ModelCIF file with pLDDT and N, C-alpha, C, O atoms, coordinates in Angstrom:
data_MODEL
#
_entry.id   MODEL 
#
_entity.id                         1 
_entity.type                       polymer 
_entity.pdbx_number_of_molecules   1 
#
_entity_poly.entity_id                      1 
_entity_poly.type                           'polypeptide(L)' 
_entity_poly.nstd_linkage                   no 
_entity_poly.nstd_monomer                   no 
_entity_poly.pdbx_seq_one_letter_code       FGEKRDKCHLARGRHLFIMGDRNRAKRNDSMNKEQDKKITAGSILA 
_entity_poly.pdbx_seq_one_letter_code_can   FGEKRDKCHLARGRHLFIMGDRNRAKRNDSMNKEQDKKITAGSILA 
_entity_poly.pdbx_strand_id                 A 
#
loop_
_entity_poly_seq.entity_id 
_entity_poly_seq.num 
_entity_poly_seq.mon_id 
_entity_poly_seq.hetero 
1 1  PHE n 
1 2  GLY n 
1 3  GLU n 
1 4  LYS n 
1 5  ARG n 
1 6  ASP n 
1 7  LYS n 
1 8  CYS n 
1 9  HIS n 
1 10 LEU n 
1 11 ALA n 
1 12 ARG n 
1 13 GLY n 
1 14 ARG n 
1 15 HIS n 
1 16 LEU n 
1 17 PHE n 
1 18 ILE n 
1 19 MET n 
1 20 GLY n 
1 21 ASP n 
1 22 ARG n 
1 23 ASN n 
1 24 ARG n 
1 25 ALA n 
1 26 LYS n 
1 27 ARG n 
1 28 ASN n 
1 29 ASP n 
1 30 SER n 
1 31 MET n 
1 32 ASN n 
1 33 LYS n 
1 34 GLU n 
1 35 GLN n 
1 36 ASP n 
1 37 LYS n 
1 38 LYS n 
1 39 ILE n 
1 40 THR n 
1 41 ALA n 
1 42 GLY n 
1 43 SER n 
1 44 ILE n 
1 45 LEU n 
1 46 ALA n 
#
_struct_asym.id          A 
_struct_asym.entity_id   1 
#
loop_
_ma_qa_metric.id 
_ma_qa_metric.mode 
_ma_qa_metric.name 
_ma_qa_metric.software_group_id 
_ma_qa_metric.type 
1 global pLDDT . pLDDT 
2 local  pLDDT . pLDDT 
#
_ma_qa_metric_global.metric_id      1 
_ma_qa_metric_global.metric_value   56.87 
_ma_qa_metric_global.model_id       1 
_ma_qa_metric_global.ordinal_id     1 
#
loop_
_ma_qa_metric_local.label_asym_id 
_ma_qa_metric_local.label_comp_id 
_ma_qa_metric_local.label_seq_id 
_ma_qa_metric_local.metric_id 
_ma_qa_metric_local.metric_value 
_ma_qa_metric_local.model_id 
_ma_qa_metric_local.ordinal_id 
A PHE 1  2 44.00 1 1  
A GLY 2  2 51.00 1 2  
A GLU 3  2 55.00 1 3  
A LYS 4  2 53.00 1 4  
A ARG 5  2 53.00 1 5  
A ASP 6  2 52.00 1 6  
A LYS 7  2 53.00 1 7  
A CYS 8  2 55.00 1 8  
A HIS 9  2 51.00 1 9  
A LEU 10 2 51.00 1 10 
A ALA 11 2 53.00 1 11 
A ARG 12 2 56.00 1 12 
A GLY 13 2 52.00 1 13 
A ARG 14 2 55.00 1 14 
A HIS 15 2 51.00 1 15 
A LEU 16 2 48.00 1 16 
A PHE 17 2 48.00 1 17 
A ILE 18 2 54.00 1 18 
A MET 19 2 53.00 1 19 
A GLY 20 2 54.00 1 20 
A ASP 21 2 51.00 1 21 
A ARG 22 2 55.00 1 22 
A ASN 23 2 55.00 1 23 
A ARG 24 2 56.00 1 24 
A ALA 25 2 49.00 1 25 
A LYS 26 2 54.00 1 26 
A ARG 27 2 56.00 1 27 
A ASN 28 2 53.00 1 28 
A ASP 29 2 53.00 1 29 
A SER 30 2 54.00 1 30 
A MET 31 2 51.00 1 31 
A ASN 32 2 49.00 1 32 
A LYS 33 2 51.00 1 33 
A GLU 34 2 52.00 1 34 
A GLN 35 2 49.00 1 35 
A ASP 36 2 47.00 1 36 
A LYS 37 2 48.00 1 37 
A LYS 38 2 49.00 1 38 
A ILE 39 2 53.00 1 39 
A THR 40 2 73.00 1 40 
A ALA 41 2 79.00 1 41 
A GLY 42 2 81.00 1 42 
A SER 43 2 86.00 1 43 
A ILE 44 2 89.00 1 44 
A LEU 45 2 90.00 1 45 
A ALA 46 2 91.00 1 46 
#
loop_
_atom_site.group_PDB 
_atom_site.id 
_atom_site.type_symbol 
_atom_site.label_atom_id 
_atom_site.label_alt_id 
_atom_site.label_comp_id 
_atom_site.label_asym_id 
_atom_site.label_entity_id 
_atom_site.label_seq_id 
_atom_site.pdbx_PDB_ins_code 
_atom_site.Cartn_x 
_atom_site.Cartn_y 
_atom_site.Cartn_z 
_atom_site.occupancy 
_atom_site.B_iso_or_equiv 
_atom_site.pdbx_formal_charge 
_atom_site.auth_seq_id 
_atom_site.auth_comp_id 
_atom_site.auth_asym_id 
_atom_site.auth_atom_id 
_atom_site.pdbx_PDB_model_num 
ATOM 1   N N  . PHE A 1 1  ? 126.950 42.677 -56.986 1.00 44.00 ? 1  PHE A N  1 
ATOM 2   C CA . PHE A 1 1  ? 126.636 44.353 -56.479 1.00 44.00 ? 1  PHE A CA 1 
ATOM 3   C C  . PHE A 1 1  ? 124.933 44.327 -56.159 1.00 44.00 ? 1  PHE A C  1 
ATOM 4   O O  . PHE A 1 1  ? 124.620 44.811 -55.072 1.00 44.00 ? 1  PHE A O  1 
ATOM 5   N N  . GLY A 1 2  ? 123.721 43.755 -57.092 1.00 51.00 ? 2  GLY A N  1 
ATOM 6   C CA . GLY A 1 2  ? 122.510 44.162 -56.368 1.00 51.00 ? 2  GLY A CA 1 
ATOM 7   C C  . GLY A 1 2  ? 122.277 43.670 -54.773 1.00 51.00 ? 2  GLY A C  1 
ATOM 8   O O  . GLY A 1 2  ? 121.837 44.437 -53.917 1.00 51.00 ? 2  GLY A O  1 
ATOM 9   N N  . GLU A 1 3  ? 122.643 42.263 -54.512 1.00 55.00 ? 3  GLU A N  1 
ATOM 10  C CA . GLU A 1 3  ? 122.693 41.443 -53.631 1.00 55.00 ? 3  GLU A CA 1 
ATOM 11  C C  . GLU A 1 3  ? 123.200 42.238 -52.481 1.00 55.00 ? 3  GLU A C  1 
ATOM 12  O O  . GLU A 1 3  ? 122.562 42.320 -51.431 1.00 55.00 ? 3  GLU A O  1 
ATOM 13  N N  . LYS A 1 4  ? 124.403 42.854 -52.681 1.00 53.00 ? 4  LYS A N  1 
ATOM 14  C CA . LYS A 1 4  ? 125.504 43.107 -51.762 1.00 53.00 ? 4  LYS A CA 1 
ATOM 15  C C  . LYS A 1 4  ? 124.421 45.009 -51.482 1.00 53.00 ? 4  LYS A C  1 
ATOM 16  O O  . LYS A 1 4  ? 124.528 45.929 -50.671 1.00 53.00 ? 4  LYS A O  1 
ATOM 17  N N  . ARG A 1 5  ? 123.958 44.864 -52.087 1.00 53.00 ? 5  ARG A N  1 
ATOM 18  C CA . ARG A 1 5  ? 123.503 46.507 -51.987 1.00 53.00 ? 5  ARG A CA 1 
ATOM 19  C C  . ARG A 1 5  ? 122.233 46.154 -51.088 1.00 53.00 ? 5  ARG A C  1 
ATOM 20  O O  . ARG A 1 5  ? 122.076 46.924 -50.140 1.00 53.00 ? 5  ARG A O  1 
ATOM 21  N N  . ASP A 1 6  ? 121.218 45.039 -51.227 1.00 52.00 ? 6  ASP A N  1 
ATOM 22  C CA . ASP A 1 6  ? 120.378 44.661 -50.765 1.00 52.00 ? 6  ASP A CA 1 
ATOM 23  C C  . ASP A 1 6  ? 120.600 44.392 -49.431 1.00 52.00 ? 6  ASP A C  1 
ATOM 24  O O  . ASP A 1 6  ? 119.821 44.968 -48.671 1.00 52.00 ? 6  ASP A O  1 
ATOM 25  N N  . LYS A 1 7  ? 121.739 43.426 -48.740 1.00 53.00 ? 7  LYS A N  1 
ATOM 26  C CA . LYS A 1 7  ? 122.404 43.430 -48.050 1.00 53.00 ? 7  LYS A CA 1 
ATOM 27  C C  . LYS A 1 7  ? 122.323 44.350 -47.208 1.00 53.00 ? 7  LYS A C  1 
ATOM 28  O O  . LYS A 1 7  ? 121.761 44.241 -46.118 1.00 53.00 ? 7  LYS A O  1 
ATOM 29  N N  . CYS A 1 8  ? 122.929 45.435 -47.672 1.00 55.00 ? 8  CYS A N  1 
ATOM 30  C CA . CYS A 1 8  ? 123.495 46.785 -46.610 1.00 55.00 ? 8  CYS A CA 1 
ATOM 31  C C  . CYS A 1 8  ? 122.051 47.790 -46.919 1.00 55.00 ? 8  CYS A C  1 
ATOM 32  O O  . CYS A 1 8  ? 122.035 48.808 -46.228 1.00 55.00 ? 8  CYS A O  1 
ATOM 33  N N  . HIS A 1 9  ? 121.202 47.665 -47.592 1.00 51.00 ? 9  HIS A N  1 
ATOM 34  C CA . HIS A 1 9  ? 119.803 48.589 -46.789 1.00 51.00 ? 9  HIS A CA 1 
ATOM 35  C C  . HIS A 1 9  ? 119.181 47.653 -45.636 1.00 51.00 ? 9  HIS A C  1 
ATOM 36  O O  . HIS A 1 9  ? 118.792 47.977 -44.514 1.00 51.00 ? 9  HIS A O  1 
ATOM 37  N N  . LEU A 1 10 ? 119.209 46.264 -46.323 1.00 51.00 ? 10 LEU A N  1 
ATOM 38  C CA . LEU A 1 10 ? 118.949 45.773 -44.782 1.00 51.00 ? 10 LEU A CA 1 
ATOM 39  C C  . LEU A 1 10 ? 119.510 46.199 -43.753 1.00 51.00 ? 10 LEU A C  1 
ATOM 40  O O  . LEU A 1 10 ? 118.846 46.957 -43.046 1.00 51.00 ? 10 LEU A O  1 
ATOM 41  N N  . ALA A 1 11 ? 120.785 45.883 -43.374 1.00 53.00 ? 11 ALA A N  1 
ATOM 42  C CA . ALA A 1 11 ? 121.180 45.875 -42.303 1.00 53.00 ? 11 ALA A CA 1 
ATOM 43  C C  . ALA A 1 11 ? 121.120 47.602 -41.776 1.00 53.00 ? 11 ALA A C  1 
ATOM 44  O O  . ALA A 1 11 ? 121.207 47.916 -40.589 1.00 53.00 ? 11 ALA A O  1 
ATOM 45  N N  . ARG A 1 12 ? 120.996 48.366 -42.638 1.00 56.00 ? 12 ARG A N  1 
ATOM 46  C CA . ARG A 1 12 ? 120.917 49.838 -42.299 1.00 56.00 ? 12 ARG A CA 1 
ATOM 47  C C  . ARG A 1 12 ? 119.660 49.978 -41.301 1.00 56.00 ? 12 ARG A C  1 
ATOM 48  O O  . ARG A 1 12 ? 119.530 50.481 -40.185 1.00 56.00 ? 12 ARG A O  1 
ATOM 49  N N  . GLY A 1 13 ? 118.800 49.319 -42.182 1.00 52.00 ? 13 GLY A N  1 
ATOM 50  C CA . GLY A 1 13 ? 117.391 49.190 -41.531 1.00 52.00 ? 13 GLY A CA 1 
ATOM 51  C C  . GLY A 1 13 ? 116.863 49.037 -40.654 1.00 52.00 ? 13 GLY A C  1 
ATOM 52  O O  . GLY A 1 13 ? 115.956 49.647 -40.087 1.00 52.00 ? 13 GLY A O  1 
ATOM 53  N N  . ARG A 1 14 ? 117.951 47.305 -40.263 1.00 55.00 ? 14 ARG A N  1 
ATOM 54  C CA . ARG A 1 14 ? 117.521 46.936 -38.995 1.00 55.00 ? 14 ARG A CA 1 
ATOM 55  C C  . ARG A 1 14 ? 118.177 48.162 -37.724 1.00 55.00 ? 14 ARG A C  1 
ATOM 56  O O  . ARG A 1 14 ? 117.535 48.607 -36.772 1.00 55.00 ? 14 ARG A O  1 
ATOM 57  N N  . HIS A 1 15 ? 119.768 48.522 -38.132 1.00 51.00 ? 15 HIS A N  1 
ATOM 58  C CA . HIS A 1 15 ? 120.135 49.671 -37.535 1.00 51.00 ? 15 HIS A CA 1 
ATOM 59  C C  . HIS A 1 15 ? 119.651 50.265 -36.444 1.00 51.00 ? 15 HIS A C  1 
ATOM 60  O O  . HIS A 1 15 ? 119.752 50.307 -35.218 1.00 51.00 ? 15 HIS A O  1 
ATOM 61  N N  . LEU A 1 16 ? 118.680 51.029 -38.022 1.00 48.00 ? 16 LEU A N  1 
ATOM 62  C CA . LEU A 1 16 ? 117.785 52.319 -37.830 1.00 48.00 ? 16 LEU A CA 1 
ATOM 63  C C  . LEU A 1 16 ? 116.686 51.773 -36.727 1.00 48.00 ? 16 LEU A C  1 
ATOM 64  O O  . LEU A 1 16 ? 116.475 52.405 -35.691 1.00 48.00 ? 16 LEU A O  1 
ATOM 65  N N  . PHE A 1 17 ? 116.119 50.747 -36.991 1.00 48.00 ? 17 PHE A N  1 
ATOM 66  C CA . PHE A 1 17 ? 115.233 50.262 -36.024 1.00 48.00 ? 17 PHE A CA 1 
ATOM 67  C C  . PHE A 1 17 ? 115.320 50.149 -34.335 1.00 48.00 ? 17 PHE A C  1 
ATOM 68  O O  . PHE A 1 17 ? 114.391 50.246 -33.533 1.00 48.00 ? 17 PHE A O  1 
ATOM 69  N N  . ILE A 1 18 ? 116.555 49.943 -34.110 1.00 54.00 ? 18 ILE A N  1 
ATOM 70  C CA . ILE A 1 18 ? 117.484 49.234 -33.100 1.00 54.00 ? 18 ILE A CA 1 
ATOM 71  C C  . ILE A 1 18 ? 117.734 49.981 -32.782 1.00 54.00 ? 18 ILE A C  1 
ATOM 72  O O  . ILE A 1 18 ? 117.893 49.774 -31.580 1.00 54.00 ? 18 ILE A O  1 
ATOM 73  N N  . MET A 1 19 ? 118.071 51.511 -33.110 1.00 53.00 ? 19 MET A N  1 
ATOM 74  C CA . MET A 1 19 ? 118.276 52.842 -32.442 1.00 53.00 ? 19 MET A CA 1 
ATOM 75  C C  . MET A 1 19 ? 116.957 53.391 -32.244 1.00 53.00 ? 19 MET A C  1 
ATOM 76  O O  . MET A 1 19 ? 116.790 53.909 -31.140 1.00 53.00 ? 19 MET A O  1 
ATOM 77  N N  . GLY A 1 20 ? 115.976 53.406 -33.043 1.00 54.00 ? 20 GLY A N  1 
ATOM 78  C CA . GLY A 1 20 ? 114.689 53.519 -32.484 1.00 54.00 ? 20 GLY A CA 1 
ATOM 79  C C  . GLY A 1 20 ? 114.051 52.715 -31.530 1.00 54.00 ? 20 GLY A C  1 
ATOM 80  O O  . GLY A 1 20 ? 112.963 53.184 -31.194 1.00 54.00 ? 20 GLY A O  1 
ATOM 81  N N  . ASP A 1 21 ? 114.336 51.726 -31.013 1.00 51.00 ? 21 ASP A N  1 
ATOM 82  C CA . ASP A 1 21 ? 114.085 51.634 -30.450 1.00 51.00 ? 21 ASP A CA 1 
ATOM 83  C C  . ASP A 1 21 ? 114.511 51.673 -28.945 1.00 51.00 ? 21 ASP A C  1 
ATOM 84  O O  . ASP A 1 21 ? 113.852 51.424 -27.935 1.00 51.00 ? 21 ASP A O  1 
ATOM 85  N N  . ARG A 1 22 ? 115.729 52.037 -29.093 1.00 55.00 ? 22 ARG A N  1 
ATOM 86  C CA . ARG A 1 22 ? 116.213 51.879 -27.720 1.00 55.00 ? 22 ARG A CA 1 
ATOM 87  C C  . ARG A 1 22 ? 115.796 53.636 -27.488 1.00 55.00 ? 22 ARG A C  1 
ATOM 88  O O  . ARG A 1 22 ? 115.469 54.014 -26.364 1.00 55.00 ? 22 ARG A O  1 
ATOM 89  N N  . ASN A 1 23 ? 115.848 54.567 -28.599 1.00 55.00 ? 23 ASN A N  1 
ATOM 90  C CA . ASN A 1 23 ? 115.142 55.672 -27.987 1.00 55.00 ? 23 ASN A CA 1 
ATOM 91  C C  . ASN A 1 23 ? 113.861 55.654 -27.343 1.00 55.00 ? 23 ASN A C  1 
ATOM 92  O O  . ASN A 1 23 ? 113.632 55.923 -26.164 1.00 55.00 ? 23 ASN A O  1 
ATOM 93  N N  . ARG A 1 24 ? 113.112 55.338 -28.165 1.00 56.00 ? 24 ARG A N  1 
ATOM 94  C CA . ARG A 1 24 ? 111.845 55.064 -27.282 1.00 56.00 ? 24 ARG A CA 1 
ATOM 95  C C  . ARG A 1 24 ? 112.032 54.815 -25.534 1.00 56.00 ? 24 ARG A C  1 
ATOM 96  O O  . ARG A 1 24 ? 111.553 55.454 -24.597 1.00 56.00 ? 24 ARG A O  1 
ATOM 97  N N  . ALA A 1 25 ? 113.109 53.380 -25.558 1.00 49.00 ? 25 ALA A N  1 
ATOM 98  C CA . ALA A 1 25 ? 113.085 53.107 -24.627 1.00 49.00 ? 25 ALA A CA 1 
ATOM 99  C C  . ALA A 1 25 ? 113.419 54.195 -23.396 1.00 49.00 ? 25 ALA A C  1 
ATOM 100 O O  . ALA A 1 25 ? 112.877 54.386 -22.308 1.00 49.00 ? 25 ALA A O  1 
ATOM 101 N N  . LYS A 1 26 ? 114.293 54.672 -23.909 1.00 54.00 ? 26 LYS A N  1 
ATOM 102 C CA . LYS A 1 26 ? 114.854 55.853 -22.977 1.00 54.00 ? 26 LYS A CA 1 
ATOM 103 C C  . LYS A 1 26 ? 113.955 57.097 -22.680 1.00 54.00 ? 26 LYS A C  1 
ATOM 104 O O  . LYS A 1 26 ? 114.031 57.743 -21.636 1.00 54.00 ? 26 LYS A O  1 
ATOM 105 N N  . ARG A 1 27 ? 113.181 57.337 -23.604 1.00 56.00 ? 27 ARG A N  1 
ATOM 106 C CA . ARG A 1 27 ? 111.947 58.430 -23.332 1.00 56.00 ? 27 ARG A CA 1 
ATOM 107 C C  . ARG A 1 27 ? 111.098 57.910 -22.109 1.00 56.00 ? 27 ARG A C  1 
ATOM 108 O O  . ARG A 1 27 ? 110.886 58.528 -21.066 1.00 56.00 ? 27 ARG A O  1 
ATOM 109 N N  . ASN A 1 28 ? 110.566 56.403 -22.512 1.00 53.00 ? 28 ASN A N  1 
ATOM 110 C CA . ASN A 1 28 ? 109.585 55.581 -21.254 1.00 53.00 ? 28 ASN A CA 1 
ATOM 111 C C  . ASN A 1 28 ? 110.626 55.251 -20.281 1.00 53.00 ? 28 ASN A C  1 
ATOM 112 O O  . ASN A 1 28 ? 110.046 54.496 -19.501 1.00 53.00 ? 28 ASN A O  1 
ATOM 113 N N  . ASP A 1 29 ? 111.920 55.394 -19.853 1.00 53.00 ? 29 ASP A N  1 
ATOM 114 C CA . ASP A 1 29 ? 112.432 55.391 -18.996 1.00 53.00 ? 29 ASP A CA 1 
ATOM 115 C C  . ASP A 1 29 ? 112.139 56.789 -18.298 1.00 53.00 ? 29 ASP A C  1 
ATOM 116 O O  . ASP A 1 29 ? 111.626 57.013 -17.201 1.00 53.00 ? 29 ASP A O  1 
ATOM 117 N N  . SER A 1 30 ? 112.609 57.637 -19.243 1.00 54.00 ? 30 SER A N  1 
ATOM 118 C CA . SER A 1 30 ? 112.294 59.376 -18.643 1.00 54.00 ? 30 SER A CA 1 
ATOM 119 C C  . SER A 1 30 ? 110.858 59.244 -18.121 1.00 54.00 ? 30 SER A C  1 
ATOM 120 O O  . SER A 1 30 ? 110.558 59.508 -16.956 1.00 54.00 ? 30 SER A O  1 
ATOM 121 N N  . MET A 1 31 ? 109.895 58.775 -19.145 1.00 51.00 ? 31 MET A N  1 
ATOM 122 C CA . MET A 1 31 ? 108.573 59.261 -18.310 1.00 51.00 ? 31 MET A CA 1 
ATOM 123 C C  . MET A 1 31 ? 108.334 58.991 -17.242 1.00 51.00 ? 31 MET A C  1 
ATOM 124 O O  . MET A 1 31 ? 107.820 59.832 -16.504 1.00 51.00 ? 31 MET A O  1 
ATOM 125 N N  . ASN A 1 32 ? 108.715 57.354 -16.679 1.00 49.00 ? 32 ASN A N  1 
ATOM 126 C CA . ASN A 1 32 ? 108.418 56.538 -16.117 1.00 49.00 ? 32 ASN A CA 1 
ATOM 127 C C  . ASN A 1 32 ? 109.288 57.248 -14.308 1.00 49.00 ? 32 ASN A C  1 
ATOM 128 O O  . ASN A 1 32 ? 109.005 57.211 -13.110 1.00 49.00 ? 32 ASN A O  1 
ATOM 129 N N  . LYS A 1 33 ? 110.085 57.650 -14.935 1.00 51.00 ? 33 LYS A N  1 
ATOM 130 C CA . LYS A 1 33 ? 111.157 58.456 -13.565 1.00 51.00 ? 33 LYS A CA 1 
ATOM 131 C C  . LYS A 1 33 ? 110.461 59.450 -13.334 1.00 51.00 ? 33 LYS A C  1 
ATOM 132 O O  . LYS A 1 33 ? 110.578 59.625 -12.122 1.00 51.00 ? 33 LYS A O  1 
ATOM 133 N N  . GLU A 1 34 ? 109.543 60.520 -13.903 1.00 52.00 ? 34 GLU A N  1 
ATOM 134 C CA . GLU A 1 34 ? 109.010 61.569 -13.658 1.00 52.00 ? 34 GLU A CA 1 
ATOM 135 C C  . GLU A 1 34 ? 107.410 61.125 -13.093 1.00 52.00 ? 34 GLU A C  1 
ATOM 136 O O  . GLU A 1 34 ? 106.766 61.835 -12.321 1.00 52.00 ? 34 GLU A O  1 
ATOM 137 N N  . GLN A 1 35 ? 106.986 59.972 -13.577 1.00 49.00 ? 35 GLN A N  1 
ATOM 138 C CA . GLN A 1 35 ? 105.998 59.422 -13.142 1.00 49.00 ? 35 GLN A CA 1 
ATOM 139 C C  . GLN A 1 35 ? 106.504 58.987 -11.748 1.00 49.00 ? 35 GLN A C  1 
ATOM 140 O O  . GLN A 1 35 ? 106.105 59.619 -10.770 1.00 49.00 ? 35 GLN A O  1 
ATOM 141 N N  . ASP A 1 36 ? 107.343 57.964 -11.592 1.00 47.00 ? 36 ASP A N  1 
ATOM 142 C CA . ASP A 1 36 ? 107.791 58.116 -10.287 1.00 47.00 ? 36 ASP A CA 1 
ATOM 143 C C  . ASP A 1 36 ? 107.644 59.055 -9.311  1.00 47.00 ? 36 ASP A C  1 
ATOM 144 O O  . ASP A 1 36 ? 106.826 58.782 -8.432  1.00 47.00 ? 36 ASP A O  1 
ATOM 145 N N  . LYS A 1 37 ? 108.251 60.137 -9.238  1.00 48.00 ? 37 LYS A N  1 
ATOM 146 C CA . LYS A 1 37 ? 108.412 61.348 -8.587  1.00 48.00 ? 37 LYS A CA 1 
ATOM 147 C C  . LYS A 1 37 ? 106.887 61.992 -8.292  1.00 48.00 ? 37 LYS A C  1 
ATOM 148 O O  . LYS A 1 37 ? 106.851 62.753 -7.325  1.00 48.00 ? 37 LYS A O  1 
ATOM 149 N N  . LYS A 1 38 ? 106.218 61.878 -8.672  1.00 49.00 ? 38 LYS A N  1 
ATOM 150 C CA . LYS A 1 38 ? 104.706 62.514 -9.030  1.00 49.00 ? 38 LYS A CA 1 
ATOM 151 C C  . LYS A 1 38 ? 104.354 61.768 -7.901  1.00 49.00 ? 38 LYS A C  1 
ATOM 152 O O  . LYS A 1 38 ? 104.105 62.226 -6.785  1.00 49.00 ? 38 LYS A O  1 
ATOM 153 N N  . ILE A 1 39 ? 104.341 60.128 -8.382  1.00 53.00 ? 39 ILE A N  1 
ATOM 154 C CA . ILE A 1 39 ? 103.511 58.796 -7.029  1.00 53.00 ? 39 ILE A CA 1 
ATOM 155 C C  . ILE A 1 39 ? 104.255 59.501 -5.562  1.00 53.00 ? 39 ILE A C  1 
ATOM 156 O O  . ILE A 1 39 ? 103.708 59.892 -4.531  1.00 53.00 ? 39 ILE A O  1 
ATOM 157 N N  . THR A 1 40 ? 105.665 59.478 -5.940  1.00 73.00 ? 40 THR A N  1 
ATOM 158 C CA . THR A 1 40 ? 106.389 59.452 -4.477  1.00 73.00 ? 40 THR A CA 1 
ATOM 159 C C  . THR A 1 40 ? 105.649 60.857 -3.798  1.00 73.00 ? 40 THR A C  1 
ATOM 160 O O  . THR A 1 40 ? 105.233 60.902 -2.641  1.00 73.00 ? 40 THR A O  1 
ATOM 161 N N  . ALA A 1 41 ? 105.584 61.975 -4.773  1.00 79.00 ? 41 ALA A N  1 
ATOM 162 C CA . ALA A 1 41 ? 105.181 63.241 -3.766  1.00 79.00 ? 41 ALA A CA 1 
ATOM 163 C C  . ALA A 1 41 ? 103.551 62.877 -3.450  1.00 79.00 ? 41 ALA A C  1 
ATOM 164 O O  . ALA A 1 41 ? 103.031 63.094 -2.356  1.00 79.00 ? 41 ALA A O  1 
ATOM 165 N N  . GLY A 1 42 ? 103.052 62.460 -4.271  1.00 81.00 ? 42 GLY A N  1 
ATOM 166 C CA . GLY A 1 42 ? 101.470 62.492 -3.887  1.00 81.00 ? 42 GLY A CA 1 
ATOM 167 C C  . GLY A 1 42 ? 101.502 61.222 -2.527  1.00 81.00 ? 42 GLY A C  1 
ATOM 168 O O  . GLY A 1 42 ? 100.606 61.107 -1.691  1.00 81.00 ? 42 GLY A O  1 
ATOM 169 N N  . SER A 1 43 ? 102.710 60.402 -2.589  1.00 86.00 ? 43 SER A N  1 
ATOM 170 C CA . SER A 1 43 ? 102.210 59.641 -1.563  1.00 86.00 ? 43 SER A CA 1 
ATOM 171 C C  . SER A 1 43 ? 102.922 59.873 -0.153  1.00 86.00 ? 43 SER A C  1 
ATOM 172 O O  . SER A 1 43 ? 102.833 59.132 0.826   1.00 86.00 ? 43 SER A O  1 
ATOM 173 N N  . ILE A 1 44 ? 103.625 61.020 -0.256  1.00 89.00 ? 44 ILE A N  1 
ATOM 174 C CA . ILE A 1 44 ? 103.423 61.454 0.586   1.00 89.00 ? 44 ILE A CA 1 
ATOM 175 C C  . ILE A 1 44 ? 102.777 62.195 1.303   1.00 89.00 ? 44 ILE A C  1 
ATOM 176 O O  . ILE A 1 44 ? 102.876 62.316 2.524   1.00 89.00 ? 44 ILE A O  1 
ATOM 177 N N  . LEU A 1 45 ? 101.820 62.931 0.327   1.00 90.00 ? 45 LEU A N  1 
ATOM 178 C CA . LEU A 1 45 ? 100.773 63.907 0.927   1.00 90.00 ? 45 LEU A CA 1 
ATOM 179 C C  . LEU A 1 45 ? 99.867  62.910 1.442   1.00 90.00 ? 45 LEU A C  1 
ATOM 180 O O  . LEU A 1 45 ? 99.440  63.236 2.549   1.00 90.00 ? 45 LEU A O  1 
ATOM 181 N N  . ALA A 1 46 ? 99.447  61.857 1.040   1.00 91.00 ? 46 ALA A N  1 
ATOM 182 C CA . ALA A 1 46 ? 98.580  60.838 1.249   1.00 91.00 ? 46 ALA A CA 1 
ATOM 183 C C  . ALA A 1 46 ? 98.723  60.535 2.292   1.00 91.00 ? 46 ALA A C  1 
ATOM 184 O O  . ALA A 1 46 ? 98.055  59.615 2.764   1.00 91.00 ? 46 ALA A O  1 
#
């Protein structure tokens, strides 16, 4: 029972870690898109 509980905690931890990575990736993609828009506007002005 203890081994099963440890495995469940480990699996849950991995799931949370993966979800955290995905959320960070989404935030980074959003920031990159906003930065690209700013660079595009600056490029047009230049």
